[in-house]
Amino acid sequence: MRRLCLMIAVALTLAVGVQNVSAKDIPMTPVMISLMTPAQAPSPEWNVKGLRIDLLYGRCQNLYGLDVGLVNHTVGKEVGLAVGVVNIVEEKFTGLQFGVVNVADRSSALQFGVYNEADDVSGFQIGVINHTRLMRGVQIGVINVIENNDLPFLPIINFFF
């Protein structure tokens, strides 16, 4: 309980310092808790600026802060730290994704997991399988695929700048 209170306090503190860059007219909340969408408060149409806890599966529009859960799904952009078994960001992710499966359309980040995928990466992918179409950075893993590289597949380490 003390740990949860501390996480909420940290997330609320972070939320104060983050700029409101979300789409206008979408409500913002400092805390979102989800059992399994749509069983969550507030609804998945909200933005989160602070802390989101997804017990089974949660979805939101945009997230700025800490994202923790089993399956974390952001429809828009996410900036911050995502820790989960599965992390999905449909648009741009900026920060650190830590999970078994990490997926983002665009990633300016470190993706750390068993399987990492992004269409466009600026940063690092560290995992067993790493895949991207466009890369400005480094992949470390057993299978590394950068489609826009002269050698698209390299084991252990692959990079493109």
N, C-alpha and C. Protein backbone atom coordinates (compact mmCIF):
# COMPACT_ATOMS: atom_id res chain seq x y z
N MET A 1 0.83 -1.19 0.00
CA MET A 1 0.00 0.00 0.00
C MET A 1 0.87 1.25 0.00
N ARG A 2 1.95 1.21 0.80
CA ARG A 2 2.87 2.36 0.83
C ARG A 2 3.50 2.58 -0.54
N ARG A 3 3.82 1.46 -1.19
CA ARG A 3 4.44 1.55 -2.52
C ARG A 3 3.48 2.18 -3.53
N LEU A 4 2.21 1.78 -3.49
CA LEU A 4 1.21 2.35 -4.39
C LEU A 4 1.03 3.84 -4.13
N CYS A 5 0.96 4.22 -2.86
CA CYS A 5 0.83 5.64 -2.52
C CYS A 5 2.04 6.43 -3.02
N LEU A 6 3.22 5.86 -2.88
CA LEU A 6 4.43 6.53 -3.36
C LEU A 6 4.40 6.67 -4.88
N MET A 7 3.98 5.61 -5.60
CA MET A 7 3.91 5.69 -7.06
C MET A 7 2.91 6.75 -7.50
N ILE A 8 1.77 6.83 -6.81
CA ILE A 8 0.77 7.84 -7.16
C ILE A 8 1.32 9.23 -6.90
N ALA A 9 2.01 9.43 -5.77
CA ALA A 9 2.58 10.74 -5.45
C ALA A 9 3.62 11.15 -6.49
N VAL A 10 4.47 10.21 -6.90
CA VAL A 10 5.49 10.52 -7.93
C VAL A 10 4.81 10.86 -9.25
N ALA A 11 3.81 10.09 -9.63
CA ALA A 11 3.12 10.35 -10.90
C ALA A 11 2.43 11.70 -10.89
N LEU A 12 1.80 12.05 -9.77
CA LEU A 12 1.15 13.36 -9.69
C LEU A 12 2.16 14.49 -9.74
N THR A 13 3.31 14.28 -9.12
CA THR A 13 4.38 15.29 -9.17
C THR A 13 4.88 15.45 -10.60
N LEU A 14 5.08 14.33 -11.31
CA LEU A 14 5.51 14.39 -12.70
C LEU A 14 4.47 15.07 -13.57
N ALA A 15 3.21 14.84 -13.28
CA ALA A 15 2.14 15.39 -14.10
C ALA A 15 2.13 16.91 -14.06
N VAL A 16 2.52 17.50 -12.95
CA VAL A 16 2.54 18.96 -12.84
C VAL A 16 3.58 19.55 -13.77
N GLY A 17 4.72 18.86 -13.96
CA GLY A 17 5.80 19.39 -14.77
C GLY A 17 5.69 19.11 -16.25
N VAL A 18 4.75 18.28 -16.67
CA VAL A 18 4.63 17.91 -18.08
C VAL A 18 3.71 18.89 -18.78
N GLN A 19 4.11 19.36 -19.97
CA GLN A 19 3.27 20.28 -20.74
C GLN A 19 2.03 19.57 -21.24
N ASN A 20 0.96 20.32 -21.34
CA ASN A 20 -0.27 19.79 -21.90
C ASN A 20 -0.17 19.88 -23.42
N VAL A 21 0.23 18.78 -24.05
CA VAL A 21 0.40 18.76 -25.50
C VAL A 21 -0.65 17.86 -26.16
N SER A 22 -1.69 17.53 -25.43
CA SER A 22 -2.71 16.64 -25.98
C SER A 22 -3.65 17.39 -26.90
N ALA A 23 -4.41 16.62 -27.64
CA ALA A 23 -5.40 17.21 -28.54
C ALA A 23 -6.43 17.97 -27.71
N LYS A 24 -6.86 19.12 -28.22
CA LYS A 24 -7.82 19.91 -27.46
C LYS A 24 -9.15 19.18 -27.40
N ASP A 25 -9.89 19.51 -26.37
CA ASP A 25 -11.22 18.95 -26.13
C ASP A 25 -11.21 17.49 -25.68
N ILE A 26 -10.05 16.90 -25.42
CA ILE A 26 -10.00 15.56 -24.84
C ILE A 26 -9.72 15.75 -23.35
N PRO A 27 -10.58 15.22 -22.47
CA PRO A 27 -10.36 15.42 -21.04
C PRO A 27 -9.05 14.79 -20.57
N MET A 28 -8.47 15.38 -19.52
CA MET A 28 -7.18 14.95 -18.96
C MET A 28 -7.41 14.50 -17.52
N THR A 29 -6.73 13.42 -17.12
CA THR A 29 -6.79 12.94 -15.75
C THR A 29 -5.38 12.67 -15.24
N PRO A 30 -5.12 12.89 -13.93
CA PRO A 30 -3.80 12.58 -13.38
C PRO A 30 -3.62 11.09 -13.08
N VAL A 31 -4.72 10.34 -12.90
CA VAL A 31 -4.64 8.92 -12.57
C VAL A 31 -5.74 8.17 -13.33
N MET A 32 -5.36 7.05 -13.94
CA MET A 32 -6.34 6.17 -14.59
C MET A 32 -6.08 4.75 -14.09
N ILE A 33 -7.15 4.06 -13.71
CA ILE A 33 -7.05 2.68 -13.25
C ILE A 33 -7.99 1.83 -14.09
N SER A 34 -7.47 0.71 -14.59
CA SER A 34 -8.25 -0.13 -15.48
C SER A 34 -8.15 -1.59 -15.05
N LEU A 35 -9.31 -2.24 -14.95
CA LEU A 35 -9.33 -3.69 -14.77
C LEU A 35 -9.18 -4.32 -16.15
N MET A 36 -10.11 -3.99 -17.05
CA MET A 36 -10.05 -4.42 -18.44
C MET A 36 -11.00 -3.52 -19.22
N THR A 37 -10.46 -2.75 -20.13
CA THR A 37 -11.28 -1.79 -20.87
C THR A 37 -12.51 -2.49 -21.43
N PRO A 38 -13.70 -1.98 -21.20
CA PRO A 38 -14.08 -0.64 -20.75
C PRO A 38 -14.24 -0.50 -19.24
N ALA A 39 -13.93 -1.52 -18.45
CA ALA A 39 -14.04 -1.42 -16.99
C ALA A 39 -12.83 -0.66 -16.45
N GLN A 40 -12.88 0.66 -16.60
CA GLN A 40 -11.78 1.50 -16.14
C GLN A 40 -12.33 2.87 -15.79
N ALA A 41 -11.57 3.60 -15.00
CA ALA A 41 -11.96 4.96 -14.62
C ALA A 41 -10.76 5.88 -14.77
N PRO A 42 -10.92 6.98 -15.48
CA PRO A 42 -12.05 7.33 -16.34
C PRO A 42 -12.02 6.51 -17.63
N SER A 43 -12.87 6.89 -18.58
CA SER A 43 -13.06 6.10 -19.81
C SER A 43 -11.82 6.15 -20.70
N PRO A 44 -11.70 5.22 -21.66
CA PRO A 44 -10.52 5.17 -22.53
C PRO A 44 -10.40 6.35 -23.48
N GLU A 45 -11.40 7.21 -23.53
CA GLU A 45 -11.33 8.40 -24.39
C GLU A 45 -10.55 9.53 -23.74
N TRP A 46 -10.08 9.34 -22.52
CA TRP A 46 -9.36 10.38 -21.78
C TRP A 46 -7.86 10.29 -22.04
N ASN A 47 -7.17 11.42 -21.84
CA ASN A 47 -5.71 11.48 -21.79
C ASN A 47 -5.27 11.30 -20.35
N VAL A 48 -4.07 10.78 -20.16
CA VAL A 48 -3.50 10.63 -18.82
C VAL A 48 -2.24 11.48 -18.73
N LYS A 49 -2.16 12.28 -17.69
CA LYS A 49 -0.97 13.08 -17.41
C LYS A 49 -0.59 12.77 -15.98
N GLY A 50 0.13 11.66 -15.80
CA GLY A 50 0.47 11.19 -14.47
C GLY A 50 0.70 9.70 -14.45
N LEU A 51 -0.25 8.94 -13.88
CA LEU A 51 -0.09 7.50 -13.66
C LEU A 51 -1.28 6.73 -14.23
N ARG A 52 -0.97 5.67 -14.98
CA ARG A 52 -2.01 4.74 -15.42
C ARG A 52 -1.63 3.36 -14.93
N ILE A 53 -2.59 2.67 -14.28
CA ILE A 53 -2.40 1.31 -13.80
C ILE A 53 -3.41 0.42 -14.53
N ASP A 54 -2.90 -0.56 -15.27
CA ASP A 54 -3.74 -1.49 -16.03
C ASP A 54 -3.58 -2.88 -15.43
N LEU A 55 -4.60 -3.33 -14.70
CA LEU A 55 -4.51 -4.63 -14.05
C LEU A 55 -4.50 -5.76 -15.07
N LEU A 56 -5.41 -5.73 -16.06
CA LEU A 56 -5.39 -6.72 -17.14
C LEU A 56 -5.11 -6.04 -18.47
N TYR A 57 -6.00 -5.13 -18.89
CA TYR A 57 -5.84 -4.41 -20.15
C TYR A 57 -6.43 -3.03 -20.00
N GLY A 58 -5.66 -2.03 -20.40
CA GLY A 58 -6.16 -0.66 -20.34
C GLY A 58 -5.81 0.10 -21.59
N ARG A 59 -6.68 1.07 -21.91
CA ARG A 59 -6.47 1.87 -23.11
C ARG A 59 -6.76 3.33 -22.78
N CYS A 60 -5.97 4.22 -23.38
CA CYS A 60 -6.23 5.66 -23.26
C CYS A 60 -5.84 6.32 -24.57
N GLN A 61 -6.15 7.61 -24.69
CA GLN A 61 -5.83 8.35 -25.91
C GLN A 61 -4.35 8.70 -25.98
N ASN A 62 -3.87 9.53 -25.06
CA ASN A 62 -2.46 9.93 -24.98
C ASN A 62 -2.04 9.80 -23.53
N LEU A 63 -0.77 9.51 -23.30
CA LEU A 63 -0.28 9.35 -21.94
C LEU A 63 1.05 10.07 -21.78
N TYR A 64 1.15 10.82 -20.67
CA TYR A 64 2.38 11.54 -20.32
C TYR A 64 2.68 11.19 -18.87
N GLY A 65 3.65 10.28 -18.64
CA GLY A 65 3.95 9.87 -17.28
C GLY A 65 4.32 8.41 -17.19
N LEU A 66 3.77 7.73 -16.18
CA LEU A 66 4.10 6.34 -15.87
C LEU A 66 2.93 5.43 -16.25
N ASP A 67 3.24 4.39 -17.01
CA ASP A 67 2.25 3.43 -17.51
C ASP A 67 2.64 2.05 -17.01
N VAL A 68 1.84 1.46 -16.11
CA VAL A 68 2.18 0.18 -15.48
C VAL A 68 1.00 -0.77 -15.64
N GLY A 69 1.27 -2.00 -16.09
CA GLY A 69 0.19 -2.96 -16.17
C GLY A 69 0.54 -4.20 -16.96
N LEU A 70 -0.45 -5.06 -17.11
CA LEU A 70 -0.27 -6.29 -17.87
C LEU A 70 -0.22 -5.97 -19.37
N VAL A 71 -1.30 -5.35 -19.89
CA VAL A 71 -1.33 -4.91 -21.29
C VAL A 71 -1.68 -3.43 -21.30
N ASN A 72 -0.73 -2.60 -21.74
CA ASN A 72 -0.88 -1.15 -21.80
C ASN A 72 -1.06 -0.74 -23.26
N HIS A 73 -2.16 -0.05 -23.56
CA HIS A 73 -2.46 0.32 -24.94
C HIS A 73 -2.76 1.82 -24.99
N THR A 74 -1.97 2.55 -25.77
CA THR A 74 -2.18 3.98 -25.98
C THR A 74 -2.51 4.19 -27.45
N VAL A 75 -3.66 4.81 -27.72
CA VAL A 75 -4.13 5.02 -29.08
C VAL A 75 -3.32 6.11 -29.77
N GLY A 76 -2.92 7.14 -29.04
CA GLY A 76 -2.17 8.25 -29.61
C GLY A 76 -0.70 8.19 -29.23
N LYS A 77 -0.21 9.30 -28.64
CA LYS A 77 1.20 9.43 -28.26
C LYS A 77 1.39 9.06 -26.79
N GLU A 78 2.62 8.61 -26.48
CA GLU A 78 2.98 8.34 -25.09
C GLU A 78 4.38 8.86 -24.84
N VAL A 79 4.53 9.57 -23.72
CA VAL A 79 5.82 10.11 -23.30
C VAL A 79 6.04 9.68 -21.86
N GLY A 80 7.13 8.94 -21.60
CA GLY A 80 7.39 8.54 -20.22
C GLY A 80 7.96 7.14 -20.13
N LEU A 81 7.52 6.42 -19.10
CA LEU A 81 7.98 5.07 -18.80
C LEU A 81 6.81 4.12 -18.88
N ALA A 82 6.93 3.08 -19.71
CA ALA A 82 5.91 2.03 -19.82
C ALA A 82 6.51 0.72 -19.34
N VAL A 83 5.89 0.13 -18.32
CA VAL A 83 6.33 -1.15 -17.78
C VAL A 83 5.13 -2.10 -17.82
N GLY A 84 5.25 -3.16 -18.62
CA GLY A 84 4.15 -4.11 -18.72
C GLY A 84 4.57 -5.36 -19.45
N VAL A 85 3.70 -6.34 -19.48
CA VAL A 85 3.99 -7.54 -20.27
C VAL A 85 3.91 -7.17 -21.75
N VAL A 86 2.86 -6.41 -22.13
CA VAL A 86 2.70 -5.92 -23.50
C VAL A 86 2.47 -4.42 -23.45
N ASN A 87 3.27 -3.67 -24.21
CA ASN A 87 3.12 -2.21 -24.33
C ASN A 87 2.87 -1.88 -25.79
N ILE A 88 1.73 -1.24 -26.07
CA ILE A 88 1.37 -0.88 -27.45
C ILE A 88 1.10 0.62 -27.51
N VAL A 89 1.79 1.30 -28.43
CA VAL A 89 1.55 2.72 -28.68
C VAL A 89 1.31 2.85 -30.18
N GLU A 90 0.10 3.30 -30.55
CA GLU A 90 -0.25 3.36 -31.96
C GLU A 90 0.43 4.50 -32.70
N GLU A 91 0.83 5.56 -32.00
CA GLU A 91 1.54 6.66 -32.66
C GLU A 91 2.97 6.71 -32.12
N LYS A 92 3.43 7.85 -31.64
CA LYS A 92 4.82 8.00 -31.23
C LYS A 92 5.01 7.75 -29.74
N PHE A 93 6.06 6.96 -29.42
CA PHE A 93 6.46 6.74 -28.04
C PHE A 93 7.81 7.41 -27.81
N THR A 94 7.91 8.15 -26.72
CA THR A 94 9.17 8.78 -26.32
C THR A 94 9.45 8.39 -24.88
N GLY A 95 10.60 7.76 -24.62
CA GLY A 95 10.93 7.37 -23.26
C GLY A 95 11.52 5.97 -23.21
N LEU A 96 11.04 5.16 -22.25
CA LEU A 96 11.51 3.79 -22.05
C LEU A 96 10.32 2.85 -22.02
N GLN A 97 10.34 1.86 -22.92
CA GLN A 97 9.36 0.77 -22.90
C GLN A 97 10.08 -0.46 -22.37
N PHE A 98 9.54 -1.04 -21.29
CA PHE A 98 10.13 -2.21 -20.67
C PHE A 98 9.04 -3.27 -20.56
N GLY A 99 9.16 -4.35 -21.36
CA GLY A 99 8.14 -5.38 -21.33
C GLY A 99 8.55 -6.60 -22.12
N VAL A 100 7.71 -7.61 -22.14
CA VAL A 100 7.98 -8.79 -22.96
C VAL A 100 7.81 -8.42 -24.43
N VAL A 101 6.70 -7.72 -24.75
CA VAL A 101 6.42 -7.26 -26.11
C VAL A 101 6.23 -5.75 -26.08
N ASN A 102 7.00 -5.04 -26.91
CA ASN A 102 6.90 -3.59 -27.03
C ASN A 102 6.65 -3.24 -28.49
N VAL A 103 5.57 -2.48 -28.74
CA VAL A 103 5.22 -2.10 -30.10
C VAL A 103 4.89 -0.61 -30.12
N ALA A 104 5.44 0.10 -31.11
CA ALA A 104 5.12 1.51 -31.31
C ALA A 104 5.22 1.81 -32.79
N ASP A 105 4.44 2.76 -33.26
CA ASP A 105 4.56 3.17 -34.66
C ASP A 105 5.89 3.89 -34.85
N ARG A 106 6.12 4.92 -34.06
CA ARG A 106 7.40 5.64 -34.07
C ARG A 106 7.95 5.62 -32.65
N SER A 107 9.25 5.47 -32.52
CA SER A 107 9.86 5.36 -31.20
C SER A 107 11.12 6.21 -31.13
N SER A 108 11.12 7.17 -30.22
CA SER A 108 12.33 7.91 -29.86
C SER A 108 12.63 7.47 -28.44
N ALA A 109 13.24 6.30 -28.33
CA ALA A 109 13.25 5.68 -27.02
C ALA A 109 14.22 4.52 -26.95
N LEU A 110 14.20 3.90 -25.79
CA LEU A 110 14.82 2.61 -25.56
C LEU A 110 13.68 1.61 -25.40
N GLN A 111 13.64 0.63 -26.28
CA GLN A 111 12.70 -0.48 -26.14
C GLN A 111 13.50 -1.66 -25.60
N PHE A 112 13.10 -2.18 -24.44
CA PHE A 112 13.80 -3.28 -23.79
C PHE A 112 12.79 -4.39 -23.55
N GLY A 113 12.95 -5.53 -24.27
CA GLY A 113 12.00 -6.62 -24.11
C GLY A 113 12.42 -7.84 -24.90
N VAL A 114 11.57 -8.85 -24.91
CA VAL A 114 11.84 -10.05 -25.69
C VAL A 114 11.62 -9.74 -27.17
N TYR A 115 10.49 -9.06 -27.49
CA TYR A 115 10.18 -8.69 -28.87
C TYR A 115 9.90 -7.19 -28.91
N ASN A 116 10.66 -6.47 -29.74
CA ASN A 116 10.50 -5.02 -29.90
C ASN A 116 10.22 -4.72 -31.36
N GLU A 117 9.19 -3.91 -31.60
CA GLU A 117 8.87 -3.53 -32.97
C GLU A 117 8.42 -2.08 -33.02
N ALA A 118 8.94 -1.38 -34.04
CA ALA A 118 8.49 -0.02 -34.34
C ALA A 118 8.73 0.22 -35.82
N ASP A 119 7.87 0.99 -36.43
CA ASP A 119 8.05 1.30 -37.84
C ASP A 119 9.26 2.21 -38.05
N ASP A 120 9.45 3.16 -37.15
CA ASP A 120 10.50 4.17 -37.27
C ASP A 120 11.12 4.38 -35.89
N VAL A 121 12.42 4.08 -35.75
CA VAL A 121 13.10 4.16 -34.45
C VAL A 121 14.23 5.17 -34.49
N SER A 122 14.28 6.01 -33.47
CA SER A 122 15.45 6.84 -33.17
C SER A 122 15.83 6.46 -31.75
N GLY A 123 16.85 5.63 -31.60
CA GLY A 123 17.22 5.19 -30.26
C GLY A 123 17.76 3.78 -30.27
N PHE A 124 17.29 2.98 -29.30
CA PHE A 124 17.82 1.64 -29.08
C PHE A 124 16.69 0.63 -28.97
N GLN A 125 16.96 -0.57 -29.47
CA GLN A 125 16.11 -1.73 -29.23
C GLN A 125 17.01 -2.82 -28.66
N ILE A 126 16.68 -3.31 -27.49
CA ILE A 126 17.44 -4.39 -26.85
C ILE A 126 16.45 -5.50 -26.53
N GLY A 127 16.66 -6.67 -27.16
CA GLY A 127 15.75 -7.79 -26.94
C GLY A 127 16.21 -9.02 -27.69
N VAL A 128 15.43 -10.08 -27.61
CA VAL A 128 15.74 -11.29 -28.36
C VAL A 128 15.48 -11.03 -29.85
N ILE A 129 14.31 -10.44 -30.16
CA ILE A 129 13.95 -10.11 -31.55
C ILE A 129 13.65 -8.61 -31.62
N ASN A 130 14.33 -7.92 -32.51
CA ASN A 130 14.13 -6.48 -32.72
C ASN A 130 13.82 -6.26 -34.19
N HIS A 131 12.78 -5.46 -34.47
CA HIS A 131 12.39 -5.24 -35.86
C HIS A 131 11.95 -3.80 -36.06
N THR A 132 12.44 -3.18 -37.14
CA THR A 132 12.00 -1.85 -37.53
C THR A 132 12.17 -1.69 -39.03
N ARG A 133 11.41 -0.77 -39.59
CA ARG A 133 11.56 -0.45 -41.01
C ARG A 133 12.64 0.61 -41.19
N LEU A 134 12.57 1.69 -40.41
CA LEU A 134 13.55 2.78 -40.46
C LEU A 134 14.25 2.89 -39.12
N MET A 135 15.57 3.09 -39.13
CA MET A 135 16.33 3.12 -37.88
C MET A 135 17.38 4.20 -37.91
N ARG A 136 17.47 4.91 -36.80
CA ARG A 136 18.59 5.80 -36.50
C ARG A 136 19.02 5.42 -35.09
N GLY A 137 19.85 4.39 -35.02
CA GLY A 137 20.23 3.90 -33.71
C GLY A 137 20.80 2.49 -33.78
N VAL A 138 20.65 1.77 -32.65
CA VAL A 138 21.31 0.48 -32.47
C VAL A 138 20.30 -0.56 -31.98
N GLN A 139 20.45 -1.77 -32.51
CA GLN A 139 19.70 -2.93 -32.04
C GLN A 139 20.69 -3.93 -31.46
N ILE A 140 20.35 -4.51 -30.31
CA ILE A 140 21.16 -5.56 -29.71
C ILE A 140 20.22 -6.72 -29.40
N GLY A 141 20.52 -7.91 -29.97
CA GLY A 141 19.67 -9.06 -29.74
C GLY A 141 20.08 -10.24 -30.60
N VAL A 142 19.32 -11.32 -30.53
CA VAL A 142 19.60 -12.52 -31.32
C VAL A 142 19.21 -12.29 -32.78
N ILE A 143 18.03 -11.72 -33.00
CA ILE A 143 17.55 -11.40 -34.35
C ILE A 143 17.30 -9.91 -34.42
N ASN A 144 18.02 -9.22 -35.29
CA ASN A 144 17.90 -7.77 -35.45
C ASN A 144 17.61 -7.46 -36.91
N VAL A 145 16.48 -6.81 -37.17
CA VAL A 145 16.08 -6.49 -38.53
C VAL A 145 15.86 -4.98 -38.65
N ILE A 146 16.61 -4.36 -39.58
CA ILE A 146 16.41 -2.97 -39.97
C ILE A 146 16.19 -2.99 -41.47
N GLU A 147 14.95 -2.81 -41.89
CA GLU A 147 14.61 -2.98 -43.30
C GLU A 147 15.32 -1.98 -44.21
N ASN A 148 15.61 -0.75 -43.74
CA ASN A 148 16.26 0.24 -44.61
C ASN A 148 17.78 0.15 -44.57
N ASN A 149 18.34 -0.89 -44.00
CA ASN A 149 19.78 -1.08 -43.92
C ASN A 149 20.26 -1.89 -45.13
N ASP A 150 21.51 -1.67 -45.56
CA ASP A 150 22.08 -2.46 -46.65
C ASP A 150 22.09 -3.94 -46.29
N LEU A 151 22.43 -4.26 -45.05
CA LEU A 151 22.30 -5.62 -44.52
C LEU A 151 21.14 -5.59 -43.53
N PRO A 152 19.93 -5.92 -43.98
CA PRO A 152 18.78 -5.75 -43.10
C PRO A 152 18.77 -6.65 -41.87
N PHE A 153 19.41 -7.81 -41.94
CA PHE A 153 19.42 -8.73 -40.81
C PHE A 153 20.85 -8.95 -40.33
N LEU A 154 21.07 -8.74 -39.05
CA LEU A 154 22.34 -9.07 -38.42
C LEU A 154 22.06 -9.61 -37.02
N PRO A 155 22.69 -10.72 -36.66
CA PRO A 155 22.55 -11.19 -35.28
C PRO A 155 23.45 -10.36 -34.35
N ILE A 156 23.17 -10.40 -33.09
CA ILE A 156 23.89 -9.75 -31.99
C ILE A 156 23.75 -8.23 -32.02
N ILE A 157 24.26 -7.56 -33.05
CA ILE A 157 24.16 -6.10 -33.09
C ILE A 157 23.90 -5.64 -34.52
N ASN A 158 23.04 -4.65 -34.65
CA ASN A 158 22.72 -4.06 -35.94
C ASN A 158 22.52 -2.57 -35.70
N PHE A 159 22.92 -1.75 -36.66
CA PHE A 159 22.79 -0.30 -36.46
C PHE A 159 22.65 0.39 -37.80
N PHE A 160 22.10 1.59 -37.75
CA PHE A 160 21.97 2.43 -38.94
C PHE A 160 21.82 3.87 -38.48
N PHE A 161 22.62 4.75 -39.09
CA PHE A 161 22.57 6.18 -38.73
C PHE A 161 22.42 7.02 -39.97
